[in-house]
């Protein structure tokens, strides 16, 4: 399923992320696409949140524990899902509100990396 937002919706979404987060930036390539796209045309964008699971720290702990692959997998998946649940709430609320207003056509939240498209 294609996840798209209007040019106006993308600008609002990026502004909301920038305002609600400590820091927020629009990638130069996305900025160029937004500048060139008519306001009524959809644009697909991925929003990466700053807070990410530090896989290197987990890997060091796994090495120290001589952890088995199944334990490593379960721990990484759990950490990713917990971080997504803890950090995406405000953004997803905003996206769903904008989706209800018609500024965003659709979205999909990911837990594998703290992002939303």
N, C-alpha and C. Protein backbone atom coordinates (compact mmCIF):
# COMPACT_ATOMS: atom_id res chain seq x y z
N UNK A 1 0.84 -1.16 0.00
CA UNK A 1 0.00 0.00 0.00
C UNK A 1 0.90 1.24 0.00
N UNK A 2 0.61 2.20 -0.86
CA UNK A 2 1.40 3.42 -0.97
C UNK A 2 0.99 4.40 0.12
N UNK A 3 1.96 4.91 0.84
CA UNK A 3 1.70 5.84 1.93
C UNK A 3 2.07 7.24 1.44
N UNK A 4 1.11 8.14 1.35
CA UNK A 4 1.40 9.45 0.82
C UNK A 4 0.75 10.54 1.64
N UNK A 5 1.33 11.72 1.53
CA UNK A 5 0.76 12.90 2.13
C UNK A 5 0.83 14.01 1.10
N UNK A 6 -0.04 14.98 1.20
CA UNK A 6 0.03 16.10 0.27
C UNK A 6 1.25 16.94 0.59
N UNK A 7 1.65 17.76 -0.36
CA UNK A 7 2.81 18.63 -0.15
C UNK A 7 2.58 19.50 1.08
N UNK A 8 1.40 20.05 1.20
CA UNK A 8 1.06 20.89 2.35
C UNK A 8 1.12 20.06 3.64
N UNK A 9 0.58 18.85 3.57
CA UNK A 9 0.61 17.97 4.74
C UNK A 9 2.03 17.61 5.14
N UNK A 10 2.90 17.40 4.16
CA UNK A 10 4.29 17.09 4.46
C UNK A 10 4.96 18.26 5.16
N UNK A 11 4.71 19.46 4.69
CA UNK A 11 5.29 20.64 5.32
C UNK A 11 4.78 20.79 6.75
N UNK A 12 3.47 20.57 6.94
CA UNK A 12 2.91 20.66 8.29
C UNK A 12 3.47 19.58 9.20
N UNK A 13 3.58 18.36 8.67
CA UNK A 13 4.11 17.25 9.45
C UNK A 13 5.54 17.53 9.87
N UNK A 14 6.36 17.98 8.94
CA UNK A 14 7.75 18.25 9.27
C UNK A 14 7.85 19.41 10.26
N UNK A 15 7.00 20.40 10.11
CA UNK A 15 6.99 21.52 11.05
C UNK A 15 6.59 21.02 12.44
N UNK A 16 5.56 20.19 12.50
CA UNK A 16 5.10 19.66 13.79
C UNK A 16 6.19 18.82 14.45
N UNK A 17 6.88 18.02 13.66
CA UNK A 17 7.95 17.20 14.21
C UNK A 17 9.06 18.10 14.73
N UNK A 18 9.40 19.14 13.96
CA UNK A 18 10.46 20.05 14.36
C UNK A 18 10.08 20.80 15.64
N UNK A 19 8.82 21.19 15.76
CA UNK A 19 8.38 21.94 16.93
C UNK A 19 8.26 21.04 18.14
N UNK A 20 7.74 19.82 17.95
CA UNK A 20 7.50 18.94 19.10
C UNK A 20 8.76 18.22 19.57
N UNK A 21 9.76 18.14 18.72
CA UNK A 21 10.99 17.47 19.09
C UNK A 21 12.04 18.50 19.49
N UNK A 22 13.09 18.02 20.10
CA UNK A 22 14.18 18.91 20.47
C UNK A 22 14.80 19.52 19.22
N UNK A 23 14.95 18.73 18.20
CA UNK A 23 15.50 19.22 16.94
C UNK A 23 14.80 18.50 15.82
N UNK A 24 14.63 19.18 14.71
CA UNK A 24 14.00 18.54 13.57
C UNK A 24 14.46 19.22 12.30
N UNK A 25 14.70 18.41 11.31
CA UNK A 25 15.13 18.96 10.03
C UNK A 25 14.40 18.26 8.90
N UNK A 26 14.25 18.98 7.82
CA UNK A 26 13.74 18.40 6.58
C UNK A 26 14.94 18.14 5.70
N UNK A 27 15.09 16.92 5.26
CA UNK A 27 16.17 16.54 4.36
C UNK A 27 16.15 17.45 3.14
N UNK A 28 17.32 17.83 2.66
CA UNK A 28 17.42 18.73 1.50
C UNK A 28 16.69 18.17 0.28
N UNK A 29 16.81 16.86 0.05
CA UNK A 29 16.13 16.26 -1.10
C UNK A 29 14.62 16.34 -0.96
N UNK A 30 14.09 16.10 0.25
CA UNK A 30 12.65 16.22 0.48
C UNK A 30 12.22 17.66 0.32
N UNK A 31 13.01 18.59 0.82
CA UNK A 31 12.70 20.00 0.67
C UNK A 31 12.59 20.39 -0.80
N UNK A 32 13.50 19.87 -1.63
CA UNK A 32 13.46 20.15 -3.06
C UNK A 32 12.21 19.56 -3.70
N UNK A 33 11.86 18.35 -3.30
CA UNK A 33 10.64 17.70 -3.83
C UNK A 33 9.42 18.51 -3.42
N UNK A 34 9.36 18.94 -2.17
CA UNK A 34 8.22 19.73 -1.69
C UNK A 34 8.11 21.05 -2.45
N UNK A 35 9.25 21.66 -2.74
CA UNK A 35 9.25 22.93 -3.45
C UNK A 35 8.77 22.79 -4.89
N UNK A 36 9.03 21.63 -5.49
CA UNK A 36 8.69 21.41 -6.90
C UNK A 36 7.33 20.76 -7.11
N UNK A 37 6.73 20.22 -6.06
CA UNK A 37 5.49 19.47 -6.19
C UNK A 37 4.29 20.39 -5.98
N UNK A 38 3.31 20.33 -6.89
CA UNK A 38 2.09 21.13 -6.69
C UNK A 38 1.42 20.77 -5.35
N UNK A 39 0.77 21.75 -4.71
CA UNK A 39 0.19 21.53 -3.38
C UNK A 39 -0.83 20.39 -3.31
N UNK A 40 -1.49 20.08 -4.41
CA UNK A 40 -2.51 19.03 -4.37
C UNK A 40 -1.97 17.64 -4.72
N UNK A 41 -0.67 17.53 -4.99
CA UNK A 41 -0.06 16.24 -5.34
C UNK A 41 0.54 15.59 -4.10
N UNK A 42 0.36 14.28 -3.94
CA UNK A 42 0.92 13.59 -2.77
C UNK A 42 2.44 13.45 -2.85
N UNK A 43 3.06 13.44 -1.70
CA UNK A 43 4.50 13.22 -1.55
C UNK A 43 4.68 12.17 -0.46
N UNK A 44 5.53 11.21 -0.71
CA UNK A 44 5.82 10.19 0.30
C UNK A 44 7.04 10.64 1.09
N UNK A 45 6.98 10.49 2.41
CA UNK A 45 8.09 10.90 3.26
C UNK A 45 8.21 9.94 4.43
N UNK A 46 9.43 9.80 4.92
CA UNK A 46 9.68 9.01 6.12
C UNK A 46 10.21 9.96 7.18
N UNK A 47 9.63 9.89 8.36
CA UNK A 47 10.06 10.71 9.49
C UNK A 47 10.86 9.82 10.43
N UNK A 48 12.13 10.16 10.62
CA UNK A 48 12.98 9.43 11.55
C UNK A 48 13.04 10.20 12.85
N UNK A 49 12.74 9.54 13.93
CA UNK A 49 12.85 10.16 15.24
C UNK A 49 14.29 10.06 15.72
N UNK A 50 14.71 11.03 16.49
CA UNK A 50 16.10 11.09 16.94
C UNK A 50 16.46 9.94 17.88
N UNK A 51 15.53 9.54 18.73
CA UNK A 51 15.80 8.51 19.72
C UNK A 51 15.75 7.13 19.07
N UNK A 52 16.89 6.46 19.02
CA UNK A 52 16.99 5.13 18.42
C UNK A 52 17.63 4.17 19.42
N UNK A 53 17.36 2.89 19.27
CA UNK A 53 17.99 1.87 20.11
C UNK A 53 19.47 1.80 19.73
N UNK A 54 20.33 1.81 20.72
CA UNK A 54 21.77 1.72 20.48
C UNK A 54 22.15 0.24 20.37
N UNK A 55 22.16 -0.24 19.15
CA UNK A 55 22.45 -1.65 18.89
C UNK A 55 23.87 -2.01 19.31
N UNK A 56 24.82 -1.07 19.19
CA UNK A 56 26.20 -1.35 19.60
C UNK A 56 26.28 -1.66 21.10
N UNK A 57 25.52 -0.94 21.90
CA UNK A 57 25.49 -1.19 23.35
C UNK A 57 24.90 -2.57 23.63
N UNK A 58 23.80 -2.89 22.92
CA UNK A 58 23.20 -4.22 23.10
C UNK A 58 24.19 -5.30 22.68
N UNK A 59 24.86 -5.10 21.56
CA UNK A 59 25.80 -6.10 21.07
C UNK A 59 26.94 -6.33 22.06
N UNK A 60 27.42 -5.27 22.67
CA UNK A 60 28.48 -5.41 23.68
C UNK A 60 27.98 -6.23 24.87
N UNK A 61 26.74 -5.96 25.28
CA UNK A 61 26.16 -6.73 26.39
C UNK A 61 25.97 -8.19 25.99
N UNK A 62 25.52 -8.44 24.78
CA UNK A 62 25.35 -9.82 24.30
C UNK A 62 26.69 -10.56 24.30
N UNK A 63 27.73 -9.87 23.87
CA UNK A 63 29.06 -10.48 23.83
C UNK A 63 29.53 -10.80 25.25
N UNK A 64 29.33 -9.83 26.16
CA UNK A 64 29.72 -10.03 27.55
C UNK A 64 29.00 -11.24 28.15
N UNK A 65 27.73 -11.40 27.81
CA UNK A 65 26.92 -12.50 28.35
C UNK A 65 27.08 -13.80 27.56
N UNK A 66 27.79 -13.73 26.44
CA UNK A 66 27.88 -14.87 25.54
C UNK A 66 26.46 -15.35 25.18
N UNK A 67 25.60 -14.40 24.87
CA UNK A 67 24.18 -14.68 24.65
C UNK A 67 23.94 -15.46 23.36
N UNK A 68 22.98 -16.34 23.44
CA UNK A 68 22.59 -17.13 22.26
C UNK A 68 21.79 -16.28 21.30
N UNK A 69 21.72 -16.72 20.07
CA UNK A 69 21.06 -15.98 19.00
C UNK A 69 19.59 -15.70 19.31
N UNK A 70 18.86 -16.69 19.84
CA UNK A 70 17.45 -16.50 20.15
C UNK A 70 17.26 -15.38 21.18
N UNK A 71 18.08 -15.37 22.22
CA UNK A 71 18.01 -14.32 23.24
C UNK A 71 18.30 -12.96 22.62
N UNK A 72 19.34 -12.88 21.78
CA UNK A 72 19.70 -11.63 21.11
C UNK A 72 18.52 -11.12 20.29
N UNK A 73 17.94 -12.00 19.51
CA UNK A 73 16.80 -11.62 18.66
C UNK A 73 15.64 -11.08 19.50
N UNK A 74 15.27 -11.83 20.51
CA UNK A 74 14.14 -11.42 21.36
C UNK A 74 14.40 -10.08 22.03
N UNK A 75 15.61 -9.88 22.53
CA UNK A 75 15.96 -8.65 23.22
C UNK A 75 15.94 -7.46 22.26
N UNK A 76 16.51 -7.61 21.08
CA UNK A 76 16.53 -6.51 20.11
C UNK A 76 15.11 -6.15 19.69
N UNK A 77 14.31 -7.14 19.35
CA UNK A 77 12.92 -6.89 18.93
C UNK A 77 12.15 -6.20 20.05
N UNK A 78 12.30 -6.69 21.27
CA UNK A 78 11.60 -6.10 22.42
C UNK A 78 12.04 -4.65 22.62
N UNK A 79 13.32 -4.39 22.58
CA UNK A 79 13.84 -3.02 22.76
C UNK A 79 13.30 -2.09 21.68
N UNK A 80 13.30 -2.55 20.43
CA UNK A 80 12.80 -1.72 19.33
C UNK A 80 11.32 -1.43 19.49
N UNK A 81 10.54 -2.44 19.83
CA UNK A 81 9.10 -2.25 20.00
C UNK A 81 8.80 -1.34 21.19
N UNK A 82 9.52 -1.49 22.28
CA UNK A 82 9.29 -0.65 23.45
C UNK A 82 9.65 0.81 23.18
N UNK A 83 10.75 1.03 22.49
CA UNK A 83 11.14 2.40 22.17
C UNK A 83 10.12 3.05 21.23
N UNK A 84 9.66 2.30 20.24
CA UNK A 84 8.65 2.84 19.33
C UNK A 84 7.38 3.20 20.10
N UNK A 85 6.95 2.33 20.98
CA UNK A 85 5.74 2.60 21.77
C UNK A 85 5.92 3.82 22.67
N UNK A 86 7.11 4.00 23.20
CA UNK A 86 7.36 5.10 24.13
C UNK A 86 7.58 6.45 23.43
N UNK A 87 8.00 6.42 22.17
CA UNK A 87 8.39 7.69 21.53
C UNK A 87 7.50 8.14 20.38
N UNK A 88 6.70 7.27 19.82
CA UNK A 88 5.94 7.64 18.62
C UNK A 88 4.55 8.19 18.91
N UNK A 89 4.10 8.15 20.14
CA UNK A 89 2.72 8.50 20.47
C UNK A 89 2.29 9.87 19.99
N UNK A 90 3.01 10.92 20.36
CA UNK A 90 2.62 12.27 19.96
C UNK A 90 2.63 12.45 18.45
N UNK A 91 3.66 11.91 17.81
CA UNK A 91 3.75 12.01 16.35
C UNK A 91 2.58 11.28 15.70
N UNK A 92 2.29 10.07 16.15
CA UNK A 92 1.20 9.31 15.56
C UNK A 92 -0.16 9.96 15.81
N UNK A 93 -0.34 10.56 16.98
CA UNK A 93 -1.57 11.31 17.24
C UNK A 93 -1.73 12.44 16.23
N UNK A 94 -0.64 13.18 16.01
CA UNK A 94 -0.67 14.28 15.06
C UNK A 94 -0.95 13.77 13.64
N UNK A 95 -0.28 12.71 13.24
CA UNK A 95 -0.48 12.15 11.90
C UNK A 95 -1.93 11.71 11.73
N UNK A 96 -2.49 11.02 12.71
CA UNK A 96 -3.88 10.56 12.59
C UNK A 96 -4.86 11.72 12.54
N UNK A 97 -4.56 12.78 13.28
CA UNK A 97 -5.40 13.98 13.22
C UNK A 97 -5.35 14.59 11.82
N UNK A 98 -4.16 14.72 11.28
CA UNK A 98 -4.00 15.30 9.94
C UNK A 98 -4.60 14.37 8.87
N UNK A 99 -4.54 13.08 9.10
CA UNK A 99 -5.14 12.11 8.19
C UNK A 99 -6.66 12.28 8.19
N UNK A 100 -7.25 12.46 9.37
CA UNK A 100 -8.70 12.66 9.49
C UNK A 100 -9.13 13.95 8.78
N UNK A 101 -8.25 14.94 8.77
CA UNK A 101 -8.54 16.22 8.11
C UNK A 101 -8.29 16.17 6.60
N UNK A 102 -7.68 15.09 6.11
CA UNK A 102 -7.43 14.94 4.68
C UNK A 102 -6.08 15.45 4.22
N UNK A 103 -5.24 15.95 5.12
CA UNK A 103 -3.92 16.46 4.74
C UNK A 103 -2.92 15.33 4.52
N UNK A 104 -3.18 14.18 5.14
CA UNK A 104 -2.34 13.00 4.98
C UNK A 104 -3.24 11.88 4.47
N UNK A 105 -2.84 11.27 3.36
CA UNK A 105 -3.66 10.20 2.78
C UNK A 105 -3.61 8.93 3.61
N UNK A 106 -2.42 8.55 4.05
CA UNK A 106 -2.27 7.34 4.84
C UNK A 106 -0.90 7.35 5.51
N UNK A 107 -0.73 6.45 6.45
CA UNK A 107 0.55 6.35 7.14
C UNK A 107 0.76 4.93 7.63
N UNK A 108 2.00 4.64 7.99
CA UNK A 108 2.34 3.35 8.59
C UNK A 108 3.47 3.60 9.57
N UNK A 109 3.30 3.20 10.80
CA UNK A 109 4.35 3.34 11.81
C UNK A 109 5.20 2.07 11.83
N UNK A 110 6.48 2.25 12.04
CA UNK A 110 7.43 1.14 12.08
C UNK A 110 8.05 1.07 13.48
N UNK A 111 8.33 -0.12 13.93
CA UNK A 111 9.04 -0.26 15.19
C UNK A 111 10.48 -0.72 14.94
N UNK A 112 10.78 -1.22 13.77
CA UNK A 112 12.11 -1.74 13.46
C UNK A 112 13.15 -0.64 13.55
N UNK A 113 12.73 0.57 13.26
CA UNK A 113 13.51 1.78 13.47
C UNK A 113 12.48 2.82 13.86
N UNK A 114 12.80 3.72 14.73
CA UNK A 114 11.80 4.66 15.20
C UNK A 114 11.49 5.65 14.10
N UNK A 115 10.53 5.29 13.25
CA UNK A 115 10.18 6.12 12.09
C UNK A 115 8.72 5.94 11.74
N UNK A 116 8.25 6.82 10.91
CA UNK A 116 6.88 6.74 10.43
C UNK A 116 6.86 7.21 8.99
N UNK A 117 6.05 6.56 8.17
CA UNK A 117 5.95 6.94 6.76
C UNK A 117 4.52 7.25 6.47
